Amino acid sequence: MTASPSDLPVLIGNYGGDKSTIYGQMVSWSKDVNTTAGVPGYEGAPAHYQGHDGIQNFDVWDAFNMDRYRASAWKYFTRYQHKGSIKNDLAKLVHYIEEALARPGILGVEPLQESELGLSIEDVLKAFELDGAMGEAAEDFLRSFTEKNPKVYLRSARAHVLDYLRSI
């Protein structure tokens, strides 16, 4: 049987949710489609995930070796002004910072040397036009990767975001 991802609901219905059959079909799709190039309707990363100078969120995640909680928080730093509800996005940003703070194993890693990042904090803030109160929050957030006490910087970032949230 040849199928496409749009056939997934039909597959689930036809195979009664048989996971092995559905998984096998999904594996065959992944062999056929190994890139998003040429996928109808896909236009690349949305503008709110791209900074100037070609820097994207992926680049920041990789340079700072972000765990999933702080990578999710970073996503909201870069999109809060461009997509959805500002207040909702800022609340989600705070939520992900709090999730990172709740996981001491994540924050116990050795800090990165800023010279080894490949991207400077200043360049990242400039690329995503983060300034003012949110620029301070984003800088503290990024410093949680380069300084010895990441909790201090994450708490400061959270406080800046909450102050900004109360002001709007």
Protein backbone atom coordinates (compact mmCIF):
# COMPACT_ATOMS: atom_id res chain seq x y z
CA MET A 1 0.00 0.00 0.00
CA THR A 2 1.33 3.44 -0.92
CA ALA A 3 0.01 6.25 1.20
CA SER A 4 0.84 9.78 2.19
CA PRO A 5 0.81 11.51 5.58
CA SER A 6 -2.63 12.92 4.83
CA ASP A 7 -3.86 9.32 4.82
CA LEU A 8 -2.98 8.81 8.51
CA PRO A 9 -6.60 9.04 9.75
CA VAL A 10 -7.62 6.46 7.13
CA LEU A 11 -4.74 4.18 8.16
CA ILE A 12 -5.74 4.40 11.80
CA GLY A 13 -9.32 3.55 10.87
CA ASN A 14 -8.39 0.74 8.45
CA TYR A 15 -5.92 -0.92 10.76
CA GLY A 16 -7.88 -0.37 13.95
CA GLY A 17 -4.99 1.53 15.44
CA ASP A 18 -2.52 -1.32 14.81
CA LYS A 19 0.63 0.53 15.76
CA SER A 20 3.12 -1.73 13.98
CA THR A 21 1.35 -1.36 10.62
CA ILE A 22 0.93 2.38 11.01
CA TYR A 23 4.55 2.74 12.17
CA GLY A 24 5.75 0.76 9.15
CA GLN A 25 3.89 3.09 6.82
CA MET A 26 5.33 6.13 8.60
CA VAL A 27 8.85 4.72 8.20
CA SER A 28 8.26 4.33 4.47
CA TRP A 29 7.13 7.97 4.28
CA SER A 30 10.28 9.11 6.05
CA LYS A 31 12.38 7.30 3.42
CA ASP A 32 10.51 9.08 0.65
CA VAL A 33 10.61 12.52 2.26
CA ASN A 34 13.95 13.36 3.81
CA THR A 35 13.63 17.12 3.56
CA THR A 36 10.95 19.81 3.77
CA ALA A 37 12.06 21.22 0.40
CA GLY A 38 9.28 20.85 -2.10
CA VAL A 39 6.58 20.15 0.47
CA PRO A 40 3.52 22.04 -0.74
CA GLY A 41 2.74 25.01 1.46
CA TYR A 42 6.03 24.90 3.42
CA GLU A 43 7.82 28.22 3.22
CA GLY A 44 10.65 27.65 5.68
CA ALA A 45 10.99 28.89 9.24
CA PRO A 46 8.45 31.59 10.09
CA ALA A 47 9.83 35.13 10.33
CA HIS A 48 9.28 35.25 14.10
CA TYR A 49 11.84 32.45 14.52
CA GLN A 50 14.47 34.19 12.39
CA GLY A 51 16.63 37.07 13.46
CA HIS A 52 18.68 39.39 11.31
CA ASP A 53 21.97 38.23 9.80
CA GLY A 54 20.44 34.81 9.11
CA ILE A 55 20.44 33.76 12.77
CA GLN A 56 17.57 31.41 13.59
CA ASN A 57 16.37 29.95 16.86
CA PHE A 58 18.02 26.65 15.90
CA ASP A 59 21.37 28.44 15.74
CA VAL A 60 20.90 29.88 19.23
CA TRP A 61 19.73 26.54 20.64
CA ASP A 62 22.81 24.83 19.21
CA ALA A 63 25.32 27.54 20.17
CA PHE A 64 24.13 27.62 23.77
CA ASN A 65 23.54 23.85 23.97
CA MET A 66 20.02 24.50 25.25
CA ASP A 67 18.01 21.88 27.08
CA ARG A 68 14.39 21.50 25.97
CA TYR A 69 12.97 23.75 28.69
CA ARG A 70 15.22 26.70 28.00
CA ALA A 71 14.94 26.15 24.23
CA SER A 72 11.16 26.41 24.59
CA ALA A 73 11.54 29.55 26.70
CA TRP A 74 13.86 31.06 24.08
CA LYS A 75 11.23 30.44 21.41
CA TYR A 76 8.85 32.71 23.32
CA PHE A 77 11.49 35.43 23.70
CA THR A 78 11.71 35.61 19.93
CA ARG A 79 8.03 35.32 19.03
CA TYR A 80 6.08 37.13 21.76
CA GLN A 81 5.79 40.34 19.70
CA HIS A 82 5.00 38.60 16.43
CA LYS A 83 2.53 35.81 16.98
CA GLY A 84 -0.50 35.18 19.13
CA SER A 85 -1.18 36.88 22.42
CA ILE A 86 1.75 38.77 23.94
CA LYS A 87 0.55 38.09 27.48
CA ASN A 88 -0.03 34.41 26.77
CA ASP A 89 3.39 34.01 25.15
CA LEU A 90 5.11 35.78 28.06
CA ALA A 91 3.26 33.57 30.54
CA LYS A 92 4.51 30.52 28.61
CA LEU A 93 8.04 31.94 28.66
CA VAL A 94 7.86 32.25 32.46
CA HIS A 95 6.44 28.73 32.68
CA TYR A 96 9.39 27.24 30.79
CA ILE A 97 11.90 29.19 32.90
CA GLU A 98 10.20 27.79 36.00
CA GLU A 99 10.37 24.27 34.53
CA ALA A 100 14.12 24.69 34.01
CA LEU A 101 14.53 26.01 37.55
CA ALA A 102 12.72 22.93 38.88
CA ARG A 103 15.30 20.61 37.31
CA PRO A 104 18.61 20.91 39.16
CA GLY A 105 20.31 18.34 36.93
CA ILE A 106 19.91 20.60 33.92
CA LEU A 107 21.35 23.60 35.72
CA GLY A 108 24.24 21.70 37.27
CA VAL A 109 26.28 21.48 34.08
CA GLU A 110 29.55 23.35 33.64
CA PRO A 111 29.01 26.85 32.18
CA LEU A 112 29.94 27.43 28.56
CA GLN A 113 32.80 29.74 27.69
CA GLU A 114 31.32 32.70 25.83
CA SER A 115 34.29 32.65 23.43
CA GLU A 116 33.34 29.09 22.40
CA LEU A 117 29.68 29.77 21.61
CA GLY A 118 30.02 30.79 17.99
CA LEU A 119 27.42 33.51 18.68
CA SER A 120 27.86 36.31 21.16
CA ILE A 121 25.05 37.22 23.50
CA GLU A 122 25.15 40.75 22.11
CA ASP A 123 24.80 39.49 18.52
CA VAL A 124 21.86 37.28 19.45
CA LEU A 125 20.04 40.12 21.23
CA LYS A 126 20.66 42.42 18.26
CA ALA A 127 19.59 39.81 15.69
CA PHE A 128 16.23 39.29 17.40
CA GLU A 129 15.80 42.98 18.31
CA LEU A 130 15.54 42.25 22.01
CA ASP A 131 16.08 45.44 23.97
CA GLY A 132 14.65 47.34 26.91
CA ALA A 133 13.18 45.22 29.70
CA MET A 134 12.87 42.16 27.48
CA GLY A 135 16.44 42.65 26.27
CA GLU A 136 17.61 42.59 29.89
CA ALA A 137 15.52 39.48 30.50
CA ALA A 138 16.93 37.76 27.41
CA GLU A 139 20.49 38.70 28.33
CA ASP A 140 20.11 37.26 31.83
CA PHE A 141 18.48 34.19 30.33
CA LEU A 142 21.42 33.63 27.96
CA ARG A 143 23.88 34.27 30.80
CA SER A 144 22.35 31.24 32.54
CA PHE A 145 24.46 29.21 30.09
CA THR A 146 27.74 31.09 30.56
CA GLU A 147 27.86 31.90 34.28
CA LYS A 148 28.55 29.67 37.28
CA ASN A 149 25.19 30.19 38.98
CA PRO A 150 22.52 29.74 36.29
CA LYS A 151 19.63 29.88 38.77
CA VAL A 152 20.47 33.48 39.67
CA TYR A 153 20.31 34.49 36.01
CA LEU A 154 17.14 32.51 35.30
CA ARG A 155 15.41 34.03 38.32
CA SER A 156 16.46 37.49 37.19
CA ALA A 157 15.19 36.79 33.66
CA ARG A 158 11.89 35.58 35.10
CA ALA A 159 11.59 38.72 37.26
CA HIS A 160 12.23 40.99 34.24
CA VAL A 161 9.60 39.16 32.18
CA LEU A 162 7.04 39.30 35.01
CA ASP A 163 7.69 43.03 35.49
CA TYR A 164 7.23 43.61 31.78
CA LEU A 165 4.09 41.48 31.75
CA ARG A 166 2.59 43.56 34.57
CA SER A 167 3.41 46.77 32.71
CA ILE A 168 1.49 45.94 29.52
